[in-house]
Amino acid sequence: MTEALRAQRKRHREDQLKAPAGGWRDTGHVFTTTIGTPLDPSNLRGAFDKITERAGQGHWTPNELRYSAASLLPAAGVPLEEIADVVGHTSTRMLEQHYRHQVKPSIDAHVGAVESLFG
């Protein structure tokens, strides 16, 4: 994580040098446009969609990452309080009502069928 933040800081410095005089806005944000302004959510969604499409993963939105994390982390034994913190909720209520799925039982139910196909 620290290395990723250092790399991002380096990109900021490079963007600052490329920006026309007075064109860089130091907002204090970690992720910005190439002139330092905050990212527009719709542009971020569009860029993310293009990345997942190029990677052969179809159309994804950033929110689907939150949903996936909230669904998969309980199966890995992560406490709901920690998951709520990771996905930006102040309590576990939203997780319990909307996000959390029992992924492991679903996976386990199909393991036998797949094993019989591939021996």
C-alpha atoms as a PDB file:
ATOM      1  CA  MET A   1       0.000   0.000   0.000  1.00  0.00           C
ATOM      2  CA  THR A   2       2.753   2.440   0.919  1.00  0.00           C
ATOM      3  CA  GLU A   3       4.541   1.741  -2.361  1.00  0.00           C
ATOM      4  CA  ALA A   4       1.342   2.426  -4.331  1.00  0.00           C
ATOM      5  CA  LEU A   5       0.929   5.782  -2.567  1.00  0.00           C
ATOM      6  CA  ARG A   6       4.534   6.694  -3.317  1.00  0.00           C
ATOM      7  CA  ALA A   7       3.982   5.859  -6.984  1.00  0.00           C
ATOM      8  CA  GLN A   8       0.850   8.019  -6.997  1.00  0.00           C
ATOM      9  CA  ARG A   9       2.763  10.925  -5.435  1.00  0.00           C
ATOM     10  CA  LYS A  10       5.373  10.569  -8.185  1.00  0.00           C
ATOM     11  CA  ARG A  11       2.609  10.717 -10.846  1.00  0.00           C
ATOM     12  CA  HIS A  12       1.301  13.900  -9.179  1.00  0.00           C
ATOM     13  CA  ARG A  13       4.731  15.530  -9.389  1.00  0.00           C
ATOM     14  CA  GLU A  14       5.047  14.530 -13.062  1.00  0.00           C
ATOM     15  CA  ASP A  15       1.563  15.889 -13.830  1.00  0.00           C
ATOM     16  CA  GLN A  16       2.426  19.110 -11.997  1.00  0.00           C
ATOM     17  CA  LEU A  17       5.490  19.623 -14.172  1.00  0.00           C
ATOM     18  CA  LYS A  18       3.491  18.985 -17.370  1.00  0.00           C
ATOM     19  CA  ALA A  19       0.636  21.320 -16.429  1.00  0.00           C
ATOM     20  CA  PRO A  20       0.704  24.815 -17.937  1.00  0.00           C
ATOM     21  CA  ALA A  21       1.768  27.638 -15.602  1.00  0.00           C
ATOM     22  CA  GLY A  22      -0.913  28.069 -12.957  1.00  0.00           C
ATOM     23  CA  GLY A  23      -2.779  25.064 -14.323  1.00  0.00           C
ATOM     24  CA  TRP A  24      -2.168  22.658 -11.436  1.00  0.00           C
ATOM     25  CA  ARG A  25      -4.589  22.783  -8.505  1.00  0.00           C
ATOM     26  CA  ASP A  26      -3.225  21.306  -5.296  1.00  0.00           C
ATOM     27  CA  THR A  27      -6.398  19.943  -3.685  1.00  0.00           C
ATOM     28  CA  GLY A  28      -4.711  17.515  -1.320  1.00  0.00           C
ATOM     29  CA  HIS A  29      -6.567  14.582  -2.907  1.00  0.00           C
ATOM     30  CA  VAL A  30      -4.652  11.378  -3.563  1.00  0.00           C
ATOM     31  CA  PHE A  31      -6.371  10.561  -6.857  1.00  0.00           C
ATOM     32  CA  THR A  32      -6.989  13.483  -9.193  1.00  0.00           C
ATOM     33  CA  THR A  33      -7.158  14.477 -12.816  1.00  0.00           C
ATOM     34  CA  THR A  34      -3.913  15.358 -14.589  1.00  0.00           C
ATOM     35  CA  ILE A  35      -4.322  18.990 -13.434  1.00  0.00           C
ATOM     36  CA  GLY A  36      -4.960  18.126  -9.788  1.00  0.00           C
ATOM     37  CA  THR A  37      -8.729  18.576  -9.684  1.00  0.00           C
ATOM     38  CA  PRO A  38     -10.969  15.966  -8.000  1.00  0.00           C
ATOM     39  CA  LEU A  39     -12.072  13.043 -10.135  1.00  0.00           C
ATOM     40  CA  ASP A  40     -15.595  13.289 -11.478  1.00  0.00           C
ATOM     41  CA  PRO A  41     -17.533  10.146 -10.431  1.00  0.00           C
ATOM     42  CA  SER A  42     -19.075   9.633 -13.880  1.00  0.00           C
ATOM     43  CA  ASN A  43     -15.637   9.830 -15.542  1.00  0.00           C
ATOM     44  CA  LEU A  44     -14.264   7.361 -13.004  1.00  0.00           C
ATOM     45  CA  ARG A  45     -17.123   4.938 -13.702  1.00  0.00           C
ATOM     46  CA  GLY A  46     -16.522   5.235 -17.448  1.00  0.00           C
ATOM     47  CA  ALA A  47     -12.783   4.646 -17.113  1.00  0.00           C
ATOM     48  CA  PHE A  48     -13.362   1.662 -14.830  1.00  0.00           C
ATOM     49  CA  ASP A  49     -15.847   0.193 -17.313  1.00  0.00           C
ATOM     50  CA  LYS A  50     -13.301   0.500 -20.127  1.00  0.00           C
ATOM     51  CA  ILE A  51     -10.604  -1.180 -18.022  1.00  0.00           C
ATOM     52  CA  THR A  52     -12.789  -4.170 -17.150  1.00  0.00           C
ATOM     53  CA  GLU A  53     -13.995  -4.479 -20.743  1.00  0.00           C
ATOM     54  CA  ARG A  54     -10.401  -4.464 -22.077  1.00  0.00           C
ATOM     55  CA  ALA A  55      -9.475  -7.071 -19.459  1.00  0.00           C
ATOM     56  CA  GLY A  56     -12.210  -9.326 -20.842  1.00  0.00           C
ATOM     57  CA  GLN A  57     -14.321  -9.072 -17.690  1.00  0.00           C
ATOM     58  CA  GLY A  58     -17.380  -7.406 -19.227  1.00  0.00           C
ATOM     59  CA  HIS A  59     -19.013  -4.281 -17.856  1.00  0.00           C
ATOM     60  CA  TRP A  60     -18.344  -3.566 -14.171  1.00  0.00           C
ATOM     61  CA  THR A  61     -18.931  -0.562 -11.974  1.00  0.00           C
ATOM     62  CA  PRO A  62     -16.880   0.426  -8.917  1.00  0.00           C
ATOM     63  CA  ASN A  63     -19.917  -0.338  -6.762  1.00  0.00           C
ATOM     64  CA  GLU A  64     -19.768  -3.967  -7.879  1.00  0.00           C
ATOM     65  CA  LEU A  65     -16.348  -4.200  -6.224  1.00  0.00           C
ATOM     66  CA  ARG A  66     -17.906  -3.111  -2.926  1.00  0.00           C
ATOM     67  CA  TYR A  67     -20.691  -5.634  -3.396  1.00  0.00           C
ATOM     68  CA  SER A  68     -18.214  -8.409  -4.191  1.00  0.00           C
ATOM     69  CA  ALA A  69     -16.055  -7.573  -1.172  1.00  0.00           C
ATOM     70  CA  ALA A  70     -19.099  -7.474   1.112  1.00  0.00           C
ATOM     71  CA  SER A  71     -20.160 -10.866  -0.221  1.00  0.00           C
ATOM     72  CA  LEU A  72     -16.794 -12.658  -0.229  1.00  0.00           C
ATOM     73  CA  LEU A  73     -15.102 -11.373   2.932  1.00  0.00           C
ATOM     74  CA  PRO A  74     -17.539 -13.080   5.351  1.00  0.00           C
ATOM     75  CA  ALA A  75     -16.712 -16.420   3.714  1.00  0.00           C
ATOM     76  CA  ALA A  76     -13.045 -15.691   4.462  1.00  0.00           C
ATOM     77  CA  GLY A  77     -13.870 -15.203   8.138  1.00  0.00           C
ATOM     78  CA  VAL A  78     -13.562 -11.400   8.239  1.00  0.00           C
ATOM     79  CA  PRO A  79     -15.777  -9.938  10.994  1.00  0.00           C
ATOM     80  CA  LEU A  80     -18.760  -7.914   9.769  1.00  0.00           C
ATOM     81  CA  GLU A  81     -17.578  -4.829  11.662  1.00  0.00           C
ATOM     82  CA  GLU A  82     -14.332  -4.809   9.679  1.00  0.00           C
ATOM     83  CA  ILE A  83     -16.154  -5.386   6.395  1.00  0.00           C
ATOM     84  CA  ALA A  84     -18.517  -2.498   7.156  1.00  0.00           C
ATOM     85  CA  ASP A  85     -15.486  -0.280   7.691  1.00  0.00           C
ATOM     86  CA  VAL A  86     -13.864  -1.425   4.429  1.00  0.00           C
ATOM     87  CA  VAL A  87     -16.977  -0.705   2.332  1.00  0.00           C
ATOM     88  CA  GLY A  88     -17.692   2.595   4.075  1.00  0.00           C
ATOM     89  CA  HIS A  89     -20.633   1.799   6.348  1.00  0.00           C
ATOM     90  CA  THR A  90     -20.894   3.014   9.938  1.00  0.00           C
ATOM     91  CA  SER A  91     -22.602  -0.171  11.112  1.00  0.00           C
ATOM     92  CA  THR A  92     -23.186  -3.762   9.992  1.00  0.00           C
ATOM     93  CA  ARG A  93     -26.909  -3.185   9.402  1.00  0.00           C
ATOM     94  CA  MET A  94     -26.612  -2.475   5.656  1.00  0.00           C
ATOM     95  CA  LEU A  95     -24.370  -5.504   5.172  1.00  0.00           C
ATOM     96  CA  GLU A  96     -26.773  -7.798   6.960  1.00  0.00           C
ATOM     97  CA  GLN A  97     -29.784  -6.542   5.009  1.00  0.00           C
ATOM     98  CA  HIS A  98     -28.504  -5.953   1.491  1.00  0.00           C
ATOM     99  CA  TYR A  99     -25.015  -7.135   0.676  1.00  0.00           C
ATOM    100  CA  ARG A 100     -24.146 -10.299   2.490  1.00  0.00           C
ATOM    101  CA  HIS A 101     -24.652 -13.536   0.624  1.00  0.00           C
ATOM    102  CA  GLN A 102     -23.694 -16.960   1.728  1.00  0.00           C
ATOM    103  CA  VAL A 103     -21.184 -17.633  -1.046  1.00  0.00           C
ATOM    104  CA  LYS A 104     -19.467 -20.707   0.399  1.00  0.00           C
ATOM    105  CA  PRO A 105     -22.607 -22.909   0.558  1.00  0.00           C
ATOM    106  CA  SER A 106     -23.344 -22.002  -3.058  1.00  0.00           C
ATOM    107  CA  ILE A 107     -19.798 -22.858  -4.125  1.00  0.00           C
ATOM    108  CA  ASP A 108     -19.739 -26.083  -2.097  1.00  0.00           C
ATOM    109  CA  ALA A 109     -23.009 -27.198  -3.683  1.00  0.00           C
ATOM    110  CA  HIS A 110     -21.404 -27.148  -7.129  1.00  0.00           C
ATOM    111  CA  VAL A 111     -17.971 -28.548  -6.305  1.00  0.00           C
ATOM    112  CA  GLY A 112     -19.174 -32.146  -6.579  1.00  0.00           C
ATOM    113  CA  ALA A 113     -20.658 -31.590 -10.009  1.00  0.00           C
ATOM    114  CA  VAL A 114     -17.503 -29.905 -11.336  1.00  0.00           C
ATOM    115  CA  GLU A 115     -15.244 -32.585  -9.830  1.00  0.00           C
ATOM    116  CA  SER A 116     -17.273 -35.325 -11.503  1.00  0.00           C
ATOM    117  CA  LEU A 117     -16.895 -33.591 -14.867  1.00  0.00           C
ATOM    118  CA  PHE A 118     -13.135 -33.172 -14.622  1.00  0.00           C
ATOM    119  CA  GLY A 119     -12.367 -36.205 -12.499  1.00  0.00           C
END
